[in-house]
């Protein structure tokens, strides 16, 4: 396959055998965007922050879309494969344990993180999805061998996300064996302090 490398930042923790937070930005962001947010969770995590390889009118994204809320599902599958292939090729050189990878994605980043849960259900040790949409209109059959914890936070007044679709998405993840903590917050698409405080409590179970 014609996979391309991704631009990234890697910052190791001083803690031995640390989990790694895989940061995936939203549309128009880059590999620097979510690092300040990750600092809220302390110094016990390695940080691996990626930049999406797709450009939409100069705005970095992780995969193409056909319109607002309409994903190019073929490109999403390819870019998910490309991202996982890339991570598998840098874990040794950067020195992190690929079996202790917790993805943290916002919006577009949350959606490719969700596609990873579907296509590679046993790849991640955990997932934090902020304002996600269901990655594929029709989800394929998928299941995880051992329960993987997933944190999801949605905004109850988020105009970009269908609340019924999110409920179905959560149910599909649970049916596949994921342990989902779903949080529907009284806000829109932007992140708020409650997202961070709830995530802090959720992440504490890994330490």
N, C-alpha and C. Protein backbone atom coordinates (compact mmCIF):
# COMPACT_ATOMS: atom_id res chain seq x y z
N UNK A 1 0.83 -1.20 0.00
CA UNK A 1 0.00 0.00 0.00
C UNK A 1 0.87 1.26 0.00
N UNK A 2 0.34 2.34 -0.58
CA UNK A 2 1.09 3.59 -0.66
C UNK A 2 0.81 4.45 0.57
N UNK A 3 1.24 3.93 1.72
CA UNK A 3 1.05 4.68 2.96
C UNK A 3 2.10 5.77 3.08
N UNK A 4 1.68 6.92 3.61
CA UNK A 4 2.59 8.02 3.86
C UNK A 4 2.83 8.14 5.37
N UNK A 5 4.01 8.59 5.77
CA UNK A 5 4.24 8.85 7.20
C UNK A 5 3.42 10.05 7.65
N UNK A 6 3.18 10.15 8.93
CA UNK A 6 2.46 11.28 9.51
C UNK A 6 3.42 12.15 10.30
N UNK A 7 3.22 13.45 10.25
CA UNK A 7 4.00 14.35 11.11
C UNK A 7 3.53 14.14 12.54
N UNK A 8 4.47 14.18 13.47
CA UNK A 8 4.08 13.90 14.85
C UNK A 8 5.04 14.53 15.84
N UNK A 9 4.57 14.58 17.08
CA UNK A 9 5.39 14.97 18.23
C UNK A 9 5.34 13.82 19.21
N UNK A 10 6.49 13.42 19.74
CA UNK A 10 6.51 12.39 20.77
C UNK A 10 7.24 12.95 21.99
N UNK A 11 6.60 12.87 23.15
CA UNK A 11 7.20 13.32 24.40
C UNK A 11 7.08 12.20 25.42
N UNK A 12 8.21 11.58 25.79
CA UNK A 12 8.15 10.48 26.74
C UNK A 12 7.94 10.96 28.17
N UNK A 13 7.30 10.13 28.95
CA UNK A 13 7.15 10.39 30.38
C UNK A 13 8.37 9.85 31.11
N UNK A 14 8.65 10.41 32.28
CA UNK A 14 9.73 9.88 33.11
C UNK A 14 9.30 8.60 33.82
N UNK A 15 8.01 8.31 33.80
CA UNK A 15 7.50 7.12 34.45
C UNK A 15 7.81 5.88 33.62
N UNK A 16 8.34 4.85 34.26
CA UNK A 16 8.63 3.60 33.55
C UNK A 16 7.33 2.90 33.17
N UNK A 17 7.34 2.27 32.00
CA UNK A 17 6.20 1.48 31.53
C UNK A 17 4.91 2.31 31.46
N UNK A 18 5.05 3.56 31.07
CA UNK A 18 3.90 4.45 31.04
C UNK A 18 2.95 4.12 29.89
N UNK A 19 1.68 4.44 30.10
CA UNK A 19 0.73 4.43 28.99
C UNK A 19 1.04 5.62 28.09
N UNK A 20 0.63 5.51 26.84
CA UNK A 20 0.84 6.59 25.87
C UNK A 20 -0.50 7.15 25.43
N UNK A 21 -0.64 8.48 25.53
CA UNK A 21 -1.82 9.15 25.00
C UNK A 21 -1.57 9.49 23.54
N UNK A 22 -2.39 8.92 22.67
CA UNK A 22 -2.32 9.20 21.23
C UNK A 22 -3.30 10.32 20.92
N UNK A 23 -2.80 11.51 20.61
CA UNK A 23 -3.64 12.68 20.43
C UNK A 23 -3.96 12.90 18.95
N UNK A 24 -5.26 13.04 18.66
CA UNK A 24 -5.73 13.21 17.28
C UNK A 24 -6.62 14.45 17.22
N UNK A 25 -6.16 15.48 16.53
CA UNK A 25 -6.80 16.79 16.51
C UNK A 25 -8.09 16.81 15.68
N UNK A 26 -8.80 17.92 15.78
CA UNK A 26 -9.99 18.16 14.96
C UNK A 26 -9.62 18.85 13.65
N UNK A 27 -10.62 19.08 12.81
CA UNK A 27 -10.40 19.73 11.51
C UNK A 27 -9.72 21.08 11.68
N UNK A 28 -8.65 21.28 10.92
CA UNK A 28 -7.92 22.54 10.96
C UNK A 28 -6.88 22.61 12.04
N UNK A 29 -6.79 21.56 12.86
CA UNK A 29 -5.79 21.54 13.91
C UNK A 29 -4.48 20.95 13.42
N UNK A 30 -3.58 20.69 14.36
CA UNK A 30 -2.32 20.05 14.02
C UNK A 30 -1.80 19.30 15.24
N UNK A 31 -0.58 18.82 15.14
CA UNK A 31 -0.03 17.97 16.20
C UNK A 31 0.26 18.74 17.50
N UNK A 32 0.16 20.06 17.48
CA UNK A 32 0.38 20.84 18.69
C UNK A 32 -0.90 21.10 19.49
N UNK A 33 -2.05 20.95 18.84
CA UNK A 33 -3.31 21.44 19.39
C UNK A 33 -3.70 20.84 20.74
N UNK A 34 -3.61 19.54 20.86
CA UNK A 34 -4.16 18.86 22.04
C UNK A 34 -3.13 18.64 23.16
N UNK A 35 -1.89 19.04 22.92
CA UNK A 35 -0.87 18.84 23.96
C UNK A 35 -1.19 19.65 25.22
N UNK A 36 -1.63 20.92 25.12
CA UNK A 36 -2.00 21.64 26.34
C UNK A 36 -3.14 20.95 27.10
N UNK A 37 -4.09 20.39 26.37
CA UNK A 37 -5.19 19.67 27.03
C UNK A 37 -4.66 18.45 27.77
N UNK A 38 -3.74 17.73 27.13
CA UNK A 38 -3.19 16.50 27.74
C UNK A 38 -2.43 16.80 29.03
N UNK A 39 -1.91 18.02 29.16
CA UNK A 39 -1.18 18.38 30.38
C UNK A 39 -2.08 18.36 31.61
N UNK A 40 -3.40 18.47 31.39
CA UNK A 40 -4.34 18.38 32.51
C UNK A 40 -4.30 17.01 33.19
N UNK A 41 -3.79 16.02 32.48
CA UNK A 41 -3.85 14.65 32.98
C UNK A 41 -2.53 14.21 33.62
N UNK A 42 -1.63 15.15 33.86
CA UNK A 42 -0.41 14.85 34.58
C UNK A 42 0.74 14.43 33.69
N UNK A 43 1.84 14.03 34.33
CA UNK A 43 3.07 13.70 33.63
C UNK A 43 3.33 12.20 33.52
N UNK A 44 2.35 11.40 33.88
CA UNK A 44 2.56 9.95 33.91
C UNK A 44 2.24 9.26 32.59
N UNK A 45 1.92 10.05 31.56
CA UNK A 45 1.64 9.49 30.24
C UNK A 45 2.68 9.96 29.23
N UNK A 46 3.12 9.06 28.37
CA UNK A 46 3.83 9.50 27.17
C UNK A 46 2.81 10.23 26.28
N UNK A 47 3.31 11.12 25.44
CA UNK A 47 2.44 11.84 24.50
C UNK A 47 2.91 11.54 23.07
N UNK A 48 1.98 11.05 22.26
CA UNK A 48 2.21 10.87 20.82
C UNK A 48 1.09 11.62 20.10
N UNK A 49 1.43 12.74 19.49
CA UNK A 49 0.43 13.58 18.85
C UNK A 49 0.68 13.62 17.35
N UNK A 50 -0.36 13.28 16.57
CA UNK A 50 -0.23 13.17 15.12
C UNK A 50 -0.92 14.32 14.40
N UNK A 51 -0.45 14.57 13.17
CA UNK A 51 -1.15 15.49 12.27
C UNK A 51 -1.75 14.68 11.12
N UNK A 52 -3.01 14.94 10.80
CA UNK A 52 -3.66 14.23 9.70
C UNK A 52 -3.00 14.52 8.36
N UNK A 53 -3.04 13.53 7.47
CA UNK A 53 -2.38 13.65 6.17
C UNK A 53 -3.25 14.26 5.08
N UNK A 54 -4.50 14.57 5.40
CA UNK A 54 -5.43 15.11 4.40
C UNK A 54 -5.55 16.62 4.60
N UNK A 55 -5.62 17.36 3.49
CA UNK A 55 -5.82 18.81 3.56
C UNK A 55 -7.16 19.16 2.91
N UNK A 56 -7.97 19.88 3.64
CA UNK A 56 -9.25 20.37 3.11
C UNK A 56 -9.19 21.90 3.10
N UNK A 57 -8.95 22.45 1.91
CA UNK A 57 -8.80 23.90 1.78
C UNK A 57 -7.75 24.45 2.74
N UNK A 58 -6.65 23.70 2.86
CA UNK A 58 -5.55 24.11 3.71
C UNK A 58 -5.68 23.69 5.17
N UNK A 59 -6.79 23.06 5.51
CA UNK A 59 -7.00 22.63 6.90
C UNK A 59 -6.66 21.15 7.04
N UNK A 60 -5.73 20.79 7.93
CA UNK A 60 -5.41 19.38 8.13
C UNK A 60 -6.61 18.60 8.67
N UNK A 61 -6.79 17.40 8.12
CA UNK A 61 -7.78 16.45 8.59
C UNK A 61 -7.17 15.05 8.53
N UNK A 62 -7.82 14.12 9.20
CA UNK A 62 -7.33 12.75 9.16
C UNK A 62 -7.90 11.94 8.01
N UNK A 63 -9.02 12.39 7.43
CA UNK A 63 -9.60 11.71 6.26
C UNK A 63 -10.51 12.69 5.53
N UNK A 64 -10.84 12.37 4.30
CA UNK A 64 -11.68 13.24 3.47
C UNK A 64 -13.15 13.13 3.87
N UNK A 65 -13.88 14.18 3.53
CA UNK A 65 -15.33 14.13 3.66
C UNK A 65 -15.97 14.65 2.38
N UNK A 66 -17.19 14.22 2.15
CA UNK A 66 -17.91 14.60 0.94
C UNK A 66 -18.77 15.84 1.16
N UNK A 67 -19.03 16.15 2.41
CA UNK A 67 -19.83 17.31 2.80
C UNK A 67 -19.88 17.35 4.31
N UNK A 68 -20.55 18.33 4.87
CA UNK A 68 -20.63 18.44 6.32
C UNK A 68 -21.33 17.21 6.89
N UNK A 69 -20.60 16.46 7.70
CA UNK A 69 -21.17 15.27 8.32
C UNK A 69 -21.27 14.06 7.42
N UNK A 70 -20.71 14.17 6.20
CA UNK A 70 -20.76 13.05 5.25
C UNK A 70 -19.32 12.61 4.98
N UNK A 71 -18.95 11.44 5.48
CA UNK A 71 -17.58 10.99 5.39
C UNK A 71 -17.32 10.27 4.07
N UNK A 72 -16.10 10.42 3.55
CA UNK A 72 -15.62 9.59 2.45
C UNK A 72 -15.15 8.29 3.10
N UNK A 73 -16.04 7.31 3.15
CA UNK A 73 -15.78 6.12 3.95
C UNK A 73 -14.63 5.28 3.38
N UNK A 74 -14.44 5.30 2.08
CA UNK A 74 -13.31 4.57 1.49
C UNK A 74 -11.99 5.19 1.96
N UNK A 75 -11.94 6.53 1.96
CA UNK A 75 -10.72 7.20 2.42
C UNK A 75 -10.53 7.00 3.92
N UNK A 76 -11.62 6.99 4.68
CA UNK A 76 -11.52 6.77 6.12
C UNK A 76 -10.90 5.40 6.41
N UNK A 77 -11.34 4.38 5.68
CA UNK A 77 -10.75 3.04 5.88
C UNK A 77 -9.26 3.05 5.58
N UNK A 78 -8.90 3.68 4.45
CA UNK A 78 -7.50 3.73 4.05
C UNK A 78 -6.66 4.51 5.06
N UNK A 79 -7.15 5.67 5.48
CA UNK A 79 -6.37 6.51 6.40
C UNK A 79 -6.24 5.86 7.78
N UNK A 80 -7.25 5.08 8.18
CA UNK A 80 -7.15 4.34 9.44
C UNK A 80 -6.07 3.28 9.34
N UNK A 81 -6.06 2.55 8.24
CA UNK A 81 -4.99 1.56 8.01
C UNK A 81 -3.62 2.24 8.00
N UNK A 82 -3.54 3.38 7.32
CA UNK A 82 -2.29 4.13 7.21
C UNK A 82 -1.79 4.57 8.59
N UNK A 83 -2.70 5.07 9.42
CA UNK A 83 -2.31 5.55 10.74
C UNK A 83 -1.83 4.41 11.64
N UNK A 84 -2.56 3.31 11.65
CA UNK A 84 -2.16 2.17 12.48
C UNK A 84 -0.82 1.60 12.00
N UNK A 85 -0.64 1.51 10.69
CA UNK A 85 0.63 1.04 10.13
C UNK A 85 1.77 1.95 10.57
N UNK A 86 1.54 3.27 10.55
CA UNK A 86 2.57 4.22 10.96
C UNK A 86 2.95 4.04 12.43
N UNK A 87 1.94 3.93 13.29
CA UNK A 87 2.21 3.78 14.72
C UNK A 87 2.99 2.50 14.99
N UNK A 88 2.65 1.44 14.28
CA UNK A 88 3.34 0.16 14.47
C UNK A 88 4.79 0.24 14.01
N UNK A 89 5.12 1.26 13.22
CA UNK A 89 6.48 1.38 12.72
C UNK A 89 7.34 2.37 13.50
N UNK A 90 6.75 3.05 14.47
CA UNK A 90 7.56 3.99 15.26
C UNK A 90 7.61 3.63 16.74
N UNK A 91 6.87 2.61 17.17
CA UNK A 91 6.85 2.31 18.60
C UNK A 91 8.23 1.91 19.12
N UNK A 92 8.96 1.12 18.35
CA UNK A 92 10.28 0.67 18.79
C UNK A 92 11.28 1.82 18.80
N UNK A 93 11.29 2.62 17.73
CA UNK A 93 12.26 3.72 17.64
C UNK A 93 12.00 4.79 18.70
N UNK A 94 10.73 5.03 19.02
CA UNK A 94 10.41 6.04 20.04
C UNK A 94 10.39 5.45 21.44
N UNK A 95 10.25 4.14 21.54
CA UNK A 95 10.39 3.48 22.83
C UNK A 95 9.13 3.42 23.68
N UNK A 96 7.94 3.43 23.05
CA UNK A 96 6.72 3.28 23.85
C UNK A 96 6.13 1.89 23.62
N UNK A 97 5.35 1.45 24.60
CA UNK A 97 4.71 0.14 24.57
C UNK A 97 3.41 0.24 23.78
N UNK A 98 3.39 -0.37 22.61
CA UNK A 98 2.23 -0.24 21.73
C UNK A 98 0.99 -0.92 22.30
N UNK A 99 1.16 -1.78 23.29
CA UNK A 99 0.01 -2.43 23.93
C UNK A 99 -0.62 -1.54 25.01
N UNK A 100 -0.02 -0.36 25.24
CA UNK A 100 -0.53 0.54 26.29
C UNK A 100 -0.85 1.90 25.69
N UNK A 101 -1.59 1.87 24.59
CA UNK A 101 -1.91 3.06 23.82
C UNK A 101 -3.37 3.46 24.09
N UNK A 102 -3.57 4.69 24.55
CA UNK A 102 -4.90 5.24 24.79
C UNK A 102 -5.11 6.41 23.83
N UNK A 103 -6.03 6.28 22.91
CA UNK A 103 -6.26 7.34 21.95
C UNK A 103 -7.15 8.42 22.56
N UNK A 104 -6.84 9.67 22.27
CA UNK A 104 -7.67 10.81 22.65
C UNK A 104 -7.92 11.62 21.40
N UNK A 105 -9.14 11.58 20.91
CA UNK A 105 -9.46 12.27 19.67
C UNK A 105 -10.61 13.25 19.85
N UNK A 106 -10.49 14.38 19.17
CA UNK A 106 -11.55 15.40 19.19
C UNK A 106 -12.13 15.56 17.79
N UNK A 107 -13.45 15.47 17.67
CA UNK A 107 -14.16 15.72 16.42
C UNK A 107 -13.62 14.83 15.29
N UNK A 108 -12.96 15.39 14.29
CA UNK A 108 -12.40 14.57 13.21
C UNK A 108 -11.44 13.52 13.74
N UNK A 109 -10.65 13.89 14.74
CA UNK A 109 -9.75 12.92 15.36
C UNK A 109 -10.48 11.82 16.09
N UNK A 110 -11.62 12.17 16.72
CA UNK A 110 -12.43 11.16 17.40
C UNK A 110 -13.03 10.19 16.41
N UNK A 111 -13.31 10.68 15.22
CA UNK A 111 -13.94 9.82 14.22
C UNK A 111 -12.97 8.79 13.63
N UNK A 112 -11.72 9.19 13.40
CA UNK A 112 -10.76 8.18 12.95
C UNK A 112 -10.37 7.26 14.10
N UNK A 113 -10.42 7.77 15.34
CA UNK A 113 -10.22 6.90 16.50
C UNK A 113 -11.32 5.85 16.56
N UNK A 114 -12.57 6.28 16.29
CA UNK A 114 -13.68 5.35 16.27
C UNK A 114 -13.55 4.32 15.17
N UNK A 115 -13.05 4.75 14.01
CA UNK A 115 -12.82 3.80 12.92
C UNK A 115 -11.76 2.78 13.32
N UNK A 116 -10.79 3.21 14.11
CA UNK A 116 -9.76 2.27 14.61
C UNK A 116 -10.38 1.22 15.52
N UNK A 117 -11.32 1.62 16.37
CA UNK A 117 -12.01 0.66 17.23
C UNK A 117 -12.76 -0.39 16.40
N UNK A 118 -13.29 0.03 15.26
CA UNK A 118 -14.03 -0.88 14.39
C UNK A 118 -13.10 -1.79 13.60
N UNK A 119 -12.07 -1.20 12.99
CA UNK A 119 -11.18 -1.96 12.10
C UNK A 119 -10.09 -2.73 12.85
N UNK A 120 -9.68 -2.21 14.00
CA UNK A 120 -8.63 -2.84 14.81
C UNK A 120 -9.09 -2.87 16.27
N UNK A 121 -10.14 -3.62 16.58
CA UNK A 121 -10.74 -3.55 17.91
C UNK A 121 -9.81 -3.92 19.06
N UNK A 122 -8.76 -4.68 18.79
CA UNK A 122 -7.84 -5.09 19.85
C UNK A 122 -6.54 -4.30 19.85
N UNK A 123 -6.48 -3.22 19.09
CA UNK A 123 -5.24 -2.45 18.96
C UNK A 123 -5.03 -1.49 20.12
N UNK A 124 -6.08 -0.89 20.62
CA UNK A 124 -5.97 0.15 21.63
C UNK A 124 -6.27 -0.38 23.03
N UNK A 125 -5.59 0.19 24.03
CA UNK A 125 -5.88 -0.16 25.42
C UNK A 125 -7.05 0.65 25.96
N UNK A 126 -7.37 1.75 25.31
CA UNK A 126 -8.48 2.60 25.73
C UNK A 126 -8.70 3.70 24.71
N UNK A 127 -9.84 4.38 24.81
CA UNK A 127 -10.15 5.43 23.85
C UNK A 127 -10.96 6.53 24.53
N UNK A 128 -10.61 7.77 24.20
CA UNK A 128 -11.35 8.95 24.64
C UNK A 128 -11.84 9.65 23.38
N UNK A 129 -13.15 9.69 23.20
CA UNK A 129 -13.74 10.27 22.00
C UNK A 129 -14.55 11.50 22.39
N UNK A 130 -14.07 12.68 22.00
CA UNK A 130 -14.77 13.92 22.26
C UNK A 130 -15.57 14.33 21.02
N UNK A 131 -16.88 14.46 21.16
CA UNK A 131 -17.79 14.90 20.11
C UNK A 131 -17.70 14.01 18.85
N UNK A 132 -17.74 12.70 19.01
CA UNK A 132 -17.61 11.83 17.84
C UNK A 132 -18.92 11.68 17.08
N UNK A 133 -18.80 11.21 15.86
CA UNK A 133 -19.92 10.69 15.08
C UNK A 133 -19.62 9.22 14.82
N UNK A 134 -20.64 8.47 14.47
CA UNK A 134 -20.40 7.08 14.09
C UNK A 134 -19.55 7.08 12.83
N UNK A 135 -18.43 6.35 12.81
CA UNK A 135 -17.50 6.49 11.68
C UNK A 135 -18.05 5.99 10.34
N UNK A 136 -18.89 4.96 10.39
CA UNK A 136 -19.46 4.42 9.15
C UNK A 136 -20.98 4.35 9.29
N UNK A 137 -21.69 4.70 8.24
CA UNK A 137 -23.16 4.65 8.30
C UNK A 137 -23.64 3.24 8.63
N UNK A 138 -23.00 2.25 8.00
CA UNK A 138 -23.31 0.85 8.30
C UNK A 138 -22.07 0.23 8.91
N UNK A 139 -22.14 -0.07 10.19
CA UNK A 139 -20.98 -0.65 10.85
C UNK A 139 -20.83 -2.12 10.48
N UNK A 140 -19.62 -2.57 10.16
CA UNK A 140 -19.40 -3.99 9.90
C UNK A 140 -19.45 -4.77 11.22
N UNK A 141 -19.44 -6.06 11.15
CA UNK A 141 -19.35 -6.87 12.36
C UNK A 141 -17.94 -6.70 12.94
N UNK A 142 -17.88 -6.44 14.23
CA UNK A 142 -16.58 -6.31 14.90
C UNK A 142 -16.77 -6.64 16.37
N UNK A 143 -15.70 -7.10 17.00
CA UNK A 143 -15.76 -7.42 18.42
C UNK A 143 -14.36 -7.37 19.00
N UNK A 144 -14.28 -7.11 20.29
CA UNK A 144 -13.02 -7.04 20.99
C UNK A 144 -12.85 -8.28 21.86
N UNK A 145 -11.63 -8.80 21.92
CA UNK A 145 -11.39 -10.04 22.67
C UNK A 145 -11.54 -9.84 24.17
N UNK A 146 -11.00 -8.72 24.67
CA UNK A 146 -11.13 -8.37 26.08
C UNK A 146 -11.70 -6.96 26.17
N UNK A 147 -12.54 -6.73 27.14
CA UNK A 147 -13.22 -5.44 27.27
C UNK A 147 -12.23 -4.28 27.29
N UNK A 148 -12.37 -3.37 26.35
CA UNK A 148 -11.53 -2.16 26.27
C UNK A 148 -12.38 -0.97 26.70
N UNK A 149 -11.91 -0.18 27.67
CA UNK A 149 -12.69 0.97 28.13
C UNK A 149 -12.69 2.12 27.12
N UNK A 150 -13.87 2.70 26.92
CA UNK A 150 -14.03 3.81 25.98
C UNK A 150 -14.80 4.93 26.68
N UNK A 151 -14.24 6.13 26.66
CA UNK A 151 -14.89 7.32 27.20
C UNK A 151 -15.42 8.15 26.03
N UNK A 152 -16.70 8.48 26.06
CA UNK A 152 -17.31 9.31 25.03
C UNK A 152 -18.00 10.49 25.68
N UNK A 153 -17.74 11.70 25.17
CA UNK A 153 -18.52 12.86 25.62
C UNK A 153 -19.10 13.57 24.40
N UNK A 154 -20.41 13.76 24.47
CA UNK A 154 -21.15 14.47 23.43
C UNK A 154 -21.75 15.73 24.00
N UNK A 155 -22.06 16.68 23.12
CA UNK A 155 -22.74 17.90 23.53
C UNK A 155 -24.22 17.79 23.18
N UNK A 156 -25.08 17.99 24.16
CA UNK A 156 -26.52 17.82 23.92
C UNK A 156 -27.08 18.85 22.95
N UNK A 157 -26.37 19.99 22.75
CA UNK A 157 -26.82 20.99 21.79
C UNK A 157 -25.80 21.15 20.66
N UNK A 158 -25.06 20.07 20.39
CA UNK A 158 -24.08 20.06 19.30
C UNK A 158 -24.83 19.92 17.98
N UNK A 159 -24.80 20.93 17.09
CA UNK A 159 -25.58 20.85 15.85
C UNK A 159 -24.99 19.89 14.82
N UNK A 160 -23.76 19.44 15.03
CA UNK A 160 -23.10 18.59 14.03
C UNK A 160 -23.33 17.10 14.25
N UNK A 161 -23.91 16.73 15.40
CA UNK A 161 -24.03 15.32 15.75
C UNK A 161 -25.49 14.97 16.02
N UNK A 162 -25.96 13.89 15.40
CA UNK A 162 -27.31 13.39 15.60
C UNK A 162 -27.35 12.58 16.90
N UNK A 163 -28.16 13.02 17.90
CA UNK A 163 -28.16 12.32 19.20
C UNK A 163 -28.62 10.86 19.10
N UNK A 164 -29.56 10.57 18.21
CA UNK A 164 -30.01 9.18 18.06
C UNK A 164 -28.91 8.31 17.48
N UNK A 165 -28.13 8.88 16.56
CA UNK A 165 -27.02 8.13 15.96
C UNK A 165 -25.97 7.80 17.01
N UNK A 166 -25.71 8.74 17.92
CA UNK A 166 -24.72 8.51 18.97
C UNK A 166 -25.19 7.39 19.90
N UNK A 167 -26.47 7.38 20.23
CA UNK A 167 -27.00 6.31 21.08
C UNK A 167 -26.80 4.95 20.42
N UNK A 168 -27.06 4.89 19.12
CA UNK A 168 -26.86 3.63 18.39
C UNK A 168 -25.39 3.25 18.33
N UNK A 169 -24.53 4.25 18.18
CA UNK A 169 -23.09 4.03 18.13
C UNK A 169 -22.59 3.45 19.45
N UNK A 170 -23.03 4.05 20.56
CA UNK A 170 -22.66 3.55 21.88
C UNK A 170 -23.13 2.11 22.06
N UNK A 171 -24.36 1.84 21.66
CA UNK A 171 -24.90 0.48 21.77
C UNK A 171 -24.09 -0.51 20.94
N UNK A 172 -23.66 -0.10 19.75
CA UNK A 172 -22.87 -0.98 18.88
C UNK A 172 -21.52 -1.29 19.52
N UNK A 173 -20.89 -0.28 20.12
CA UNK A 173 -19.61 -0.50 20.81
C UNK A 173 -19.79 -1.45 22.00
N UNK A 174 -20.85 -1.25 22.75
CA UNK A 174 -21.10 -2.13 23.90
C UNK A 174 -21.38 -3.56 23.44
N UNK A 175 -22.13 -3.69 22.36
CA UNK A 175 -22.42 -5.03 21.84
C UNK A 175 -21.17 -5.73 21.33
N UNK A 176 -20.18 -4.93 20.91
CA UNK A 176 -18.91 -5.49 20.43
C UNK A 176 -17.97 -5.85 21.58
N UNK A 177 -18.36 -5.53 22.81
CA UNK A 177 -17.55 -5.90 23.97
C UNK A 177 -16.79 -4.77 24.62
N UNK A 178 -16.93 -3.53 24.11
CA UNK A 178 -16.26 -2.39 24.71
C UNK A 178 -17.01 -1.94 25.97
N UNK A 179 -16.27 -1.41 26.92
CA UNK A 179 -16.85 -0.91 28.17
C UNK A 179 -16.96 0.60 28.05
N UNK A 180 -18.16 1.08 27.72
CA UNK A 180 -18.34 2.47 27.34
C UNK A 180 -18.84 3.32 28.50
N UNK A 181 -18.16 4.44 28.74
CA UNK A 181 -18.63 5.48 29.65
C UNK A 181 -19.12 6.63 28.78
N UNK A 182 -20.45 6.77 28.69
CA UNK A 182 -21.03 7.79 27.80
C UNK A 182 -21.49 8.99 28.62
N UNK A 183 -21.09 10.18 28.19
CA UNK A 183 -21.41 11.41 28.90
C UNK A 183 -22.03 12.41 27.93
N UNK A 184 -23.26 12.79 28.20
CA UNK A 184 -23.96 13.75 27.35
C UNK A 184 -24.01 15.08 28.10
N UNK A 185 -23.18 16.03 27.69
CA UNK A 185 -23.00 17.26 28.43
C UNK A 185 -23.85 18.39 27.86
N UNK A 186 -24.28 19.34 28.70
CA UNK A 186 -25.13 20.44 28.24
C UNK A 186 -24.31 21.53 27.53
N UNK A 187 -23.77 21.17 26.38
CA UNK A 187 -22.91 22.10 25.65
C UNK A 187 -22.97 21.78 24.16
N UNK A 188 -22.21 22.52 23.36
CA UNK A 188 -22.18 22.31 21.92
C UNK A 188 -20.99 21.48 21.50
N UNK A 189 -20.36 21.85 20.38
CA UNK A 189 -19.27 21.05 19.83
C UNK A 189 -17.94 21.33 20.51
N UNK A 190 -17.80 22.51 21.10
CA UNK A 190 -16.54 22.87 21.76
C UNK A 190 -16.39 22.12 23.07
N UNK A 191 -15.13 21.89 23.46
CA UNK A 191 -14.86 21.24 24.73
C UNK A 191 -15.05 22.21 25.88
N UNK A 192 -15.46 21.66 27.04
CA UNK A 192 -15.66 22.47 28.24
C UNK A 192 -14.90 21.82 29.40
N UNK A 193 -14.85 22.52 30.53
CA UNK A 193 -14.10 22.01 31.68
C UNK A 193 -14.62 20.66 32.14
N UNK A 194 -15.92 20.43 32.01
CA UNK A 194 -16.48 19.15 32.45
C UNK A 194 -15.91 17.98 31.65
N UNK A 195 -15.61 18.19 30.38
CA UNK A 195 -14.95 17.14 29.59
C UNK A 195 -13.64 16.73 30.25
N UNK A 196 -12.88 17.71 30.68
CA UNK A 196 -11.56 17.45 31.26
C UNK A 196 -11.68 16.76 32.61
N UNK A 197 -12.56 17.28 33.48
CA UNK A 197 -12.68 16.70 34.82
C UNK A 197 -13.19 15.26 34.76
N UNK A 198 -14.14 14.99 33.88
CA UNK A 198 -14.64 13.61 33.74
C UNK A 198 -13.56 12.70 33.17
N UNK A 199 -12.77 13.22 32.25
CA UNK A 199 -11.68 12.43 31.67
C UNK A 199 -10.62 12.12 32.71
N UNK A 200 -10.30 13.09 33.56
CA UNK A 200 -9.32 12.87 34.63
C UNK A 200 -9.72 11.69 35.50
N UNK A 201 -10.97 11.65 35.91
CA UNK A 201 -11.46 10.56 36.75
C UNK A 201 -11.38 9.23 36.00
N UNK A 202 -11.74 9.26 34.73
CA UNK A 202 -11.74 8.04 33.92
C UNK A 202 -10.32 7.52 33.73
N UNK A 203 -9.37 8.42 33.44
CA UNK A 203 -7.99 8.01 33.21
C UNK A 203 -7.31 7.48 34.47
N UNK A 204 -7.79 7.91 35.62
CA UNK A 204 -7.18 7.48 36.87
C UNK A 204 -7.22 5.96 37.03
N UNK A 205 -8.13 5.32 36.36
CA UNK A 205 -8.24 3.85 36.49
C UNK A 205 -7.07 3.14 35.80
N UNK A 206 -6.34 3.85 34.92
CA UNK A 206 -5.21 3.25 34.22
C UNK A 206 -3.92 3.33 35.03
N UNK A 207 -3.88 4.19 36.04
CA UNK A 207 -2.61 4.48 36.74
C UNK A 207 -2.47 3.67 38.02
